[in-house]
Amino acid sequence: MLIGRKITVLGAGVAGLTVARALALRGAEVTVFEQAEAIREVGAGLQISPNGARVLQALGLGEALAAAGPVGEAVELIDGETATRVARLDLARLRPGAEYRFVHRARLIELLAEGARAAGVQIRLLQKIDSVILGDHKPRLVTAQGVELEADLLIGADGLHSKVRQALNGAVAPFFTHQVAWRALIPCDDTAPKLAQVFMGAGKHLVSYPLGGGLRNIVAIEERRRWVEESWTLRDDPLTLRAAFEDFCPTVRGWLDQVEEPWLWGLFRHPVAEHWHGQGAAILGDAAHPTLPFLAQGAVMALEDAWVLAEALASHDGDAAALAAYQAVRRPRCTRIVEAANKNARNYHLSGLSRTVGHLGLRLASSLAPARLIGHFDWVYGHDVTAGAGG
């Protein structure tokens, strides 16, 4: 159904580049509009869990993924002040063949862009879209220069501030969670254990893991009353970051002493979009379901969305049926992911008696029933959208 079909994708991030390759491999003629002058990402790390790795493998990008970052051995939850381990999720206990990788976001974007171009996708840079108009006719894009462009089918992969989402759902004000996040990269010996470590404290936590290529990723979260702009491009003073975690263990303080240029952003909750499609347009990824970074599933959900959307369009007789099927499959799962991430944000920041009790329960589960503990995440990691019917 997609052979020769002209499709326009707005946004050249993880969601946009993945869906572009997925559609092009099924015969569509895909054009991606990107407002930046080049496809690039500021420094940050990603965890690609098995449910995301399966999509990249199915798209023929498995070897590129393997070269992009190391395989994770485990996820550890650690008391940030004492450095004692609270729980360990052994990733070797996942289903046979499950692949869990730590990847620099820029490397993922690079391999997706190369994969899209290799599939015949056209990527047009410096295409800033001011508004999207949906109606009885084909979707129209209005550029910053006032030029109107028409799309046969428009896919909005344009992130948190999506113009396509707004056209489908109207404007919705996000809710500030009263949490801010710093992110940074520091040097790391490539022989370091391939662990994702979560150092937990009262009202704050820090996540770190090696990315390969001599780099370590750091994301630090602190509860804060004052508002911070929802942006990925704000800088902060490294002394502020160090002061926020001065009561943490020497390992964390040593890492933060190496941070020279932390980025800072405020964490906001957005509702999962009510309408994911309509009038010749559809949305995916952060445009449809922004999620807090506490389950490491933001990029992975975009990968899953892309596969399901492309498969739906290829296997249904018309767009209306295809897009309805896509939303029916994806919205419940993404809503559950968003809610689980929200819950983790609370669990990582426990204090007082609730923290003591919570950590004790995790220690017991980790020592007495480790397989059962990681089994709690099977609904996330075991999901396989490439198996058909959305997984």
Protein backbone atom coordinates (compact mmCIF):
# COMPACT_ATOMS: atom_id res chain seq x y z
CA MET A 1 0.00 0.00 0.00
CA LEU A 2 2.99 2.33 0.39
CA ILE A 3 4.80 1.84 -2.89
CA GLY A 4 5.24 5.28 -4.44
CA ARG A 5 3.28 6.98 -1.65
CA LYS A 6 4.57 10.48 -0.87
CA ILE A 7 4.90 11.06 2.88
CA THR A 8 6.23 14.11 4.72
CA VAL A 9 7.86 13.72 8.14
CA LEU A 10 8.36 16.75 10.35
CA GLY A 11 11.45 16.42 12.55
CA ALA A 12 14.76 14.57 12.16
CA GLY A 13 15.11 13.18 15.67
CA VAL A 14 14.88 9.55 16.76
CA ALA A 15 11.17 9.26 15.92
CA GLY A 16 11.35 11.06 12.59
CA LEU A 17 14.40 9.30 11.20
CA THR A 18 13.20 5.87 12.32
CA VAL A 19 9.74 6.20 10.82
CA ALA A 20 11.27 7.65 7.64
CA ARG A 21 13.45 4.55 7.12
CA ALA A 22 10.62 2.21 8.08
CA LEU A 23 8.31 3.82 5.51
CA ALA A 24 10.93 4.03 2.78
CA LEU A 25 11.81 0.35 3.15
CA ARG A 26 8.14 -0.37 2.50
CA GLY A 27 8.21 1.60 -0.74
CA ALA A 28 7.17 5.12 0.30
CA GLU A 29 8.80 8.28 -1.03
CA VAL A 30 9.67 10.07 2.20
CA THR A 31 10.81 13.62 2.78
CA VAL A 32 11.93 14.77 6.22
CA PHE A 33 11.79 18.46 7.16
CA GLU A 34 14.23 19.53 9.87
CA GLN A 35 14.57 23.08 11.15
CA ALA A 36 18.26 22.82 12.12
CA GLU A 37 21.09 23.51 9.71
CA ALA A 38 22.56 20.07 10.38
CA ILE A 39 21.44 16.80 11.94
CA ARG A 40 23.16 16.81 15.28
CA GLU A 41 22.50 16.23 18.96
CA VAL A 42 23.95 17.82 22.06
CA GLY A 43 25.75 15.37 24.28
CA ALA A 44 23.57 12.91 26.15
CA GLY A 45 23.31 9.19 26.64
CA LEU A 46 20.47 6.77 25.99
CA GLN A 47 19.61 3.29 27.15
CA ILE A 48 18.33 1.16 24.28
CA SER A 49 16.49 -1.68 25.97
CA PRO A 50 15.65 -4.92 24.11
CA ASN A 51 12.23 -3.70 22.94
CA GLY A 52 13.96 -0.85 21.10
CA ALA A 53 16.89 -2.93 19.89
CA ARG A 54 14.46 -5.32 18.20
CA VAL A 55 13.11 -2.48 16.07
CA LEU A 56 16.58 -1.37 14.97
CA GLN A 57 17.49 -4.97 14.14
CA ALA A 58 14.29 -5.42 12.13
CA LEU A 59 15.12 -2.25 10.20
CA GLY A 60 18.52 -3.67 9.24
CA LEU A 61 20.44 -1.46 11.67
CA GLY A 62 21.51 -4.12 14.15
CA GLU A 63 25.20 -4.02 13.20
CA ALA A 64 25.23 -0.23 13.38
CA LEU A 65 23.68 -0.40 16.86
CA ALA A 66 26.26 -2.94 17.99
CA ALA A 67 29.02 -0.57 16.92
CA ALA A 68 27.38 2.43 18.59
CA GLY A 69 27.65 1.45 22.25
CA PRO A 70 28.39 -1.29 24.78
CA VAL A 71 26.05 -4.01 26.01
CA GLY A 72 24.74 -3.29 29.50
CA GLU A 73 25.44 -5.85 32.21
CA ALA A 74 23.10 -4.67 34.94
CA VAL A 75 21.09 -1.84 36.45
CA GLU A 76 22.00 -1.11 40.07
CA LEU A 77 20.05 0.93 42.61
CA ILE A 78 22.42 2.44 45.19
CA ASP A 79 22.03 4.49 48.36
CA GLY A 80 23.56 7.77 47.23
CA GLU A 81 24.93 8.77 50.63
CA THR A 82 26.44 5.47 51.80
CA ALA A 83 27.19 3.93 48.37
CA THR A 84 25.65 0.63 49.54
CA ARG A 85 23.84 -1.35 46.87
CA VAL A 86 20.10 -1.59 47.36
CA ALA A 87 19.22 -3.79 44.37
CA ARG A 88 20.68 -5.20 41.19
CA LEU A 89 18.79 -6.02 38.01
CA ASP A 90 20.97 -8.51 36.15
CA LEU A 91 20.33 -7.88 32.46
CA ALA A 92 21.69 -11.35 31.62
CA ARG A 93 18.43 -12.65 33.11
CA LEU A 94 16.40 -11.08 30.33
CA ARG A 95 14.94 -13.27 27.59
CA PRO A 96 17.54 -15.11 25.46
CA GLY A 97 18.84 -12.85 22.69
CA ALA A 98 17.66 -9.68 24.41
CA GLU A 99 20.06 -6.81 23.72
CA TYR A 100 20.42 -3.87 26.11
CA ARG A 101 22.84 -1.13 25.06
CA PHE A 102 24.16 2.19 26.31
CA VAL A 103 24.46 4.63 23.41
CA HIS A 104 25.41 8.26 22.92
CA ARG A 105 22.38 10.03 21.46
CA ALA A 106 24.50 11.57 18.71
CA ARG A 107 25.64 8.10 17.58
CA LEU A 108 22.04 6.88 17.46
CA ILE A 109 20.97 9.92 15.42
CA GLU A 110 23.92 9.41 13.08
CA LEU A 111 23.12 5.75 12.38
CA LEU A 112 19.43 6.56 11.90
CA ALA A 113 20.21 9.40 9.50
CA GLU A 114 22.55 7.18 7.50
CA GLY A 115 19.91 4.45 7.48
CA ALA A 116 17.22 6.84 6.30
CA ARG A 117 19.34 8.22 3.46
CA ALA A 118 20.39 4.72 2.43
CA ALA A 119 16.70 3.83 2.11
CA GLY A 120 16.15 6.79 -0.22
CA VAL A 121 14.78 9.31 2.26
CA GLN A 122 15.27 12.99 1.40
CA ILE A 123 16.24 15.13 4.39
CA ARG A 124 15.67 18.86 3.94
CA LEU A 125 17.43 21.05 6.49
CA LEU A 126 16.68 24.66 7.53
CA GLN A 127 12.94 24.02 7.23
CA LYS A 128 11.45 25.77 10.25
CA ILE A 129 7.68 25.29 10.35
CA ASP A 130 5.68 27.97 12.14
CA SER A 131 2.28 26.34 11.87
CA VAL A 132 0.39 23.31 10.58
CA ILE A 133 -3.05 23.70 9.03
CA LEU A 134 -5.40 20.72 8.92
CA GLY A 135 -8.80 20.77 7.27
CA ASP A 136 -10.85 19.28 4.46
CA HIS A 137 -7.89 19.32 2.09
CA LYS A 138 -4.36 18.03 2.44
CA PRO A 139 -2.27 19.15 5.43
CA ARG A 140 -0.42 22.42 4.89
CA LEU A 141 2.83 23.54 6.47
CA VAL A 142 3.62 27.23 6.81
CA THR A 143 7.34 27.95 7.01
CA ALA A 144 9.01 30.75 8.94
CA GLN A 145 9.36 32.58 5.62
CA GLY A 146 5.61 32.39 5.04
CA VAL A 147 5.80 29.73 2.34
CA GLU A 148 2.97 27.16 2.32
CA LEU A 149 3.83 23.54 1.60
CA GLU A 150 1.29 20.78 1.03
CA ALA A 151 1.67 17.21 2.27
CA ASP A 152 -0.15 14.15 1.01
CA LEU A 153 0.32 12.49 4.41
CA LEU A 154 2.00 14.36 7.28
CA ILE A 155 3.74 12.65 10.19
CA GLY A 156 4.62 14.85 13.14
CA ALA A 157 7.83 13.74 14.84
CA ASP A 158 8.45 17.28 16.01
CA GLY A 159 8.90 16.68 19.72
CA LEU A 160 7.66 18.32 22.88
CA HIS A 161 6.43 21.49 21.21
CA SER A 162 4.91 19.71 18.23
CA LYS A 163 3.02 21.87 15.73
CA VAL A 164 1.23 18.76 14.45
CA ARG A 165 0.09 17.74 17.92
CA GLN A 166 -1.23 21.26 18.49
CA ALA A 167 -3.14 21.15 15.20
CA LEU A 168 -4.73 17.84 16.22
CA ASN A 169 -5.37 18.54 19.90
CA GLY A 170 -5.08 22.25 20.56
CA ALA A 171 -2.62 23.86 22.93
CA VAL A 172 -2.16 22.28 26.37
CA ALA A 173 -0.02 23.83 29.10
CA PRO A 174 2.49 21.37 30.60
CA PHE A 175 2.78 20.86 34.36
CA PHE A 176 6.14 21.62 36.03
CA THR A 177 7.10 18.64 38.19
CA HIS A 178 9.27 20.80 40.47
CA GLN A 179 12.23 18.75 39.35
CA VAL A 180 15.22 19.80 37.28
CA ALA A 181 17.78 17.66 35.51
CA TRP A 182 21.42 18.24 34.73
CA ARG A 183 23.16 16.16 32.11
CA ALA A 184 26.83 15.92 31.33
CA LEU A 185 29.52 13.75 29.79
CA ILE A 186 32.84 13.02 31.48
CA PRO A 187 35.82 10.84 30.53
CA CYS A 188 35.52 7.13 31.27
CA ASP A 189 37.87 4.20 30.90
CA ASP A 190 36.29 1.77 28.44
CA THR A 191 37.18 -1.11 30.77
CA ALA A 192 34.74 0.24 33.39
CA PRO A 193 31.87 -2.14 34.24
CA LYS A 194 28.91 -1.72 31.90
CA LEU A 195 26.47 -0.77 34.63
CA ALA A 196 23.63 1.72 34.74
CA GLN A 197 23.79 2.95 38.33
CA VAL A 198 21.06 4.94 40.06
CA PHE A 199 22.30 6.73 43.19
CA MET A 200 19.21 7.58 45.25
CA GLY A 201 18.81 10.28 47.89
CA ALA A 202 16.15 12.32 49.63
CA GLY A 203 14.65 14.55 46.96
CA LYS A 204 17.31 13.78 44.37
CA HIS A 205 19.05 11.04 42.42
CA LEU A 206 21.83 10.59 39.88
CA VAL A 207 22.08 8.09 37.02
CA SER A 208 25.34 7.17 35.31
CA TYR A 209 26.59 4.62 32.81
CA PRO A 210 29.49 4.26 30.33
CA LEU A 211 28.82 4.98 26.66
CA GLY A 212 31.98 3.58 25.11
CA GLY A 213 34.39 5.76 23.18
CA GLY A 214 35.89 7.02 26.45
CA LEU A 215 32.70 8.68 27.73
CA ARG A 216 30.45 8.37 30.78
CA ASN A 217 26.90 9.73 30.80
CA ILE A 218 25.53 11.54 33.86
CA VAL A 219 21.96 12.66 34.52
CA ALA A 220 21.29 14.25 37.91
CA ILE A 221 17.78 15.10 39.16
CA GLU A 222 16.89 17.44 42.03
CA GLU A 223 13.53 18.54 43.39
CA ARG A 224 13.23 22.31 43.17
CA ARG A 225 10.38 24.72 43.73
CA ARG A 226 11.39 27.42 41.29
CA TRP A 227 10.55 27.06 37.62
CA VAL A 228 13.13 26.19 34.98
CA GLU A 229 12.51 26.52 31.26
CA GLU A 230 11.62 23.34 29.39
CA SER A 231 14.64 23.28 27.13
CA TRP A 232 17.58 21.06 26.25
CA THR A 233 19.92 24.00 25.59
CA LEU A 234 20.36 25.78 28.94
CA ARG A 235 23.79 25.78 30.56
CA ASP A 236 24.46 25.82 34.29
CA ASP A 237 27.39 26.41 36.61
CA PRO A 238 29.05 23.08 37.53
CA LEU A 239 29.46 24.38 41.09
CA THR A 240 25.67 24.46 41.44
CA LEU A 241 25.47 20.81 40.40
CA ARG A 242 28.25 19.80 42.80
CA ALA A 243 26.61 21.65 45.67
CA ALA A 244 23.32 19.83 45.07
CA PHE A 245 25.02 16.45 45.58
CA GLU A 246 27.66 17.37 48.15
CA ASP A 247 26.15 14.89 50.65
CA PHE A 248 26.49 11.97 48.21
CA CYS A 249 29.22 9.35 48.23
CA PRO A 250 32.82 9.95 47.00
CA THR A 251 32.15 8.13 43.71
CA VAL A 252 29.43 10.58 42.74
CA ARG A 253 31.34 13.61 43.99
CA GLY A 254 34.40 12.47 42.04
CA TRP A 255 32.38 12.23 38.84
CA LEU A 256 30.83 15.64 39.37
CA ASP A 257 34.24 17.19 40.02
CA GLN A 258 35.04 16.31 36.39
CA VAL A 259 31.95 18.03 34.96
CA GLU A 260 32.93 21.21 33.15
CA GLU A 261 29.77 22.12 31.26
CA PRO A 262 26.48 20.75 32.57
CA TRP A 263 23.24 21.27 30.69
CA LEU A 264 20.11 21.97 32.69
CA TRP A 265 16.45 21.49 31.93
CA GLY A 266 13.17 21.57 33.81
CA LEU A 267 11.06 18.42 33.85
CA PHE A 268 7.44 18.88 32.83
CA ARG A 269 4.55 16.46 32.61
CA HIS A 270 2.50 16.55 29.44
CA PRO A 271 -0.71 14.58 29.02
CA VAL A 272 -0.63 11.76 26.50
CA ALA A 273 -2.31 13.21 23.41
CA GLU A 274 -5.98 12.38 23.03
CA HIS A 275 -5.87 12.41 19.23
CA TRP A 276 -2.86 10.89 17.47
CA HIS A 277 -4.21 11.28 13.96
CA GLY A 278 -6.76 13.08 11.82
CA GLN A 279 -7.20 15.00 8.58
CA GLY A 280 -4.20 13.49 6.85
CA ALA A 281 -1.77 13.77 9.79
CA ALA A 282 -0.39 11.62 12.60
CA ILE A 283 2.03 12.05 15.49
CA LEU A 284 4.51 9.80 17.27
CA GLY A 285 7.25 9.88 19.88
CA ASP A 286 7.43 12.90 22.18
CA ALA A 287 4.86 14.69 20.04
CA ALA A 288 2.28 12.11 21.17
CA HIS A 289 3.46 11.03 24.64
CA PRO A 290 6.31 12.93 26.31
CA THR A 291 7.66 10.95 29.24
CA LEU A 292 9.89 11.75 32.18
CA PRO A 293 13.36 10.11 32.00
CA PHE A 294 12.83 7.68 34.89
CA LEU A 295 12.23 4.46 32.98
CA ALA A 296 14.71 5.11 30.16
CA GLN A 297 11.99 4.55 27.54
CA GLY A 298 11.57 7.89 25.76
CA ALA A 299 13.67 7.09 22.69
CA VAL A 300 12.63 3.43 22.76
CA MET A 301 8.93 4.32 22.64
CA ALA A 302 9.68 6.44 19.56
CA LEU A 303 11.32 3.41 17.93
CA GLU A 304 8.30 1.24 18.72
CA ASP A 305 5.89 3.92 17.46
CA ALA A 306 7.76 4.21 14.18
CA TRP A 307 7.57 0.50 13.45
CA VAL A 308 3.88 0.17 14.33
CA LEU A 309 2.91 3.29 12.34
CA ALA A 310 4.78 2.18 9.22
CA GLU A 311 3.42 -1.36 9.45
CA ALA A 312 -0.14 -0.09 9.92
CA LEU A 313 0.09 2.16 6.87
CA ALA A 314 1.54 -0.69 4.81
CA SER A 315 -1.07 -3.28 5.81
CA HIS A 316 -4.38 -1.37 5.74
CA ASP A 317 -6.42 -0.34 2.72
CA GLY A 318 -6.77 3.30 3.76
CA ASP A 319 -5.12 5.89 6.00
CA ALA A 320 -8.10 6.23 8.32
CA ALA A 321 -8.13 2.55 9.23
CA ALA A 322 -4.34 2.38 9.44
CA LEU A 323 -3.98 5.37 11.73
CA ALA A 324 -6.86 4.27 13.95
CA ALA A 325 -5.19 0.88 14.35
CA TYR A 326 -1.86 2.55 15.13
CA GLN A 327 -3.36 4.66 17.92
CA ALA A 328 -5.35 1.74 19.30
CA VAL A 329 -2.17 -0.31 19.67
CA ARG A 330 0.18 2.38 20.92
CA ARG A 331 -1.77 4.73 23.17
CA PRO A 332 -2.51 2.25 26.00
CA ARG A 333 1.09 1.03 26.14
CA CYS A 334 2.61 4.51 26.02
CA THR A 335 0.22 5.73 28.70
CA ARG A 336 1.32 2.87 30.95
CA ILE A 337 5.00 3.70 30.30
CA VAL A 338 4.45 7.37 31.16
CA GLU A 339 2.68 6.45 34.41
CA ALA A 340 5.45 4.02 35.38
CA ALA A 341 8.09 6.70 34.79
CA ASN A 342 6.13 9.11 36.98
CA LYS A 343 6.04 6.52 39.75
CA ASN A 344 9.80 5.92 39.56
CA ALA A 345 10.40 9.64 40.05
CA ARG A 346 8.74 9.36 43.46
CA ASN A 347 10.41 6.07 44.42
CA TYR A 348 13.94 7.33 43.73
CA HIS A 349 13.49 10.35 46.05
CA LEU A 350 12.11 8.73 49.21
CA SER A 351 13.17 10.07 52.60
CA GLY A 352 12.80 9.12 56.26
CA LEU A 353 10.93 5.97 57.22
CA SER A 354 9.44 5.40 53.75
CA ARG A 355 12.97 5.36 52.32
CA THR A 356 14.19 2.87 54.95
CA VAL A 357 11.27 0.55 54.36
CA GLY A 358 11.40 0.87 50.59
CA HIS A 359 15.12 0.16 50.39
CA LEU A 360 14.79 -2.84 52.72
CA GLY A 361 12.11 -4.33 50.50
CA LEU A 362 14.29 -3.90 47.43
CA ARG A 363 17.31 -5.47 49.16
CA LEU A 364 15.28 -8.52 50.12
CA ALA A 365 13.83 -8.90 46.63
CA SER A 366 17.25 -8.49 45.02
CA SER A 367 18.89 -11.13 47.23
CA LEU A 368 16.04 -13.65 47.56
CA ALA A 369 14.29 -13.40 44.20
CA PRO A 370 16.51 -11.65 41.63
CA ALA A 371 14.79 -13.27 38.65
CA ARG A 372 11.41 -12.16 39.93
CA LEU A 373 12.68 -8.62 40.48
CA ILE A 374 13.78 -8.12 36.88
CA GLY A 375 10.67 -10.01 35.79
CA HIS A 376 8.67 -6.97 36.89
CA PHE A 377 10.04 -5.24 33.79
CA ASP A 378 9.20 -7.99 31.32
CA TRP A 379 6.14 -6.05 30.14
CA VAL A 380 8.56 -3.30 29.08
CA TYR A 381 11.62 -5.14 27.80
CA GLY A 382 9.91 -8.28 26.51
CA HIS A 383 7.55 -6.36 24.22
CA ASP A 384 8.20 -6.97 20.52
CA VAL A 385 6.34 -4.75 18.06
CA THR A 386 8.12 -6.44 15.15
CA ALA A 387 6.37 -9.73 15.95
CA GLY A 388 3.11 -8.42 14.54
CA ALA A 389 -0.08 -6.91 15.98
CA GLY A 390 2.00 -4.31 17.80
CA GLY A 391 3.83 -6.93 19.88
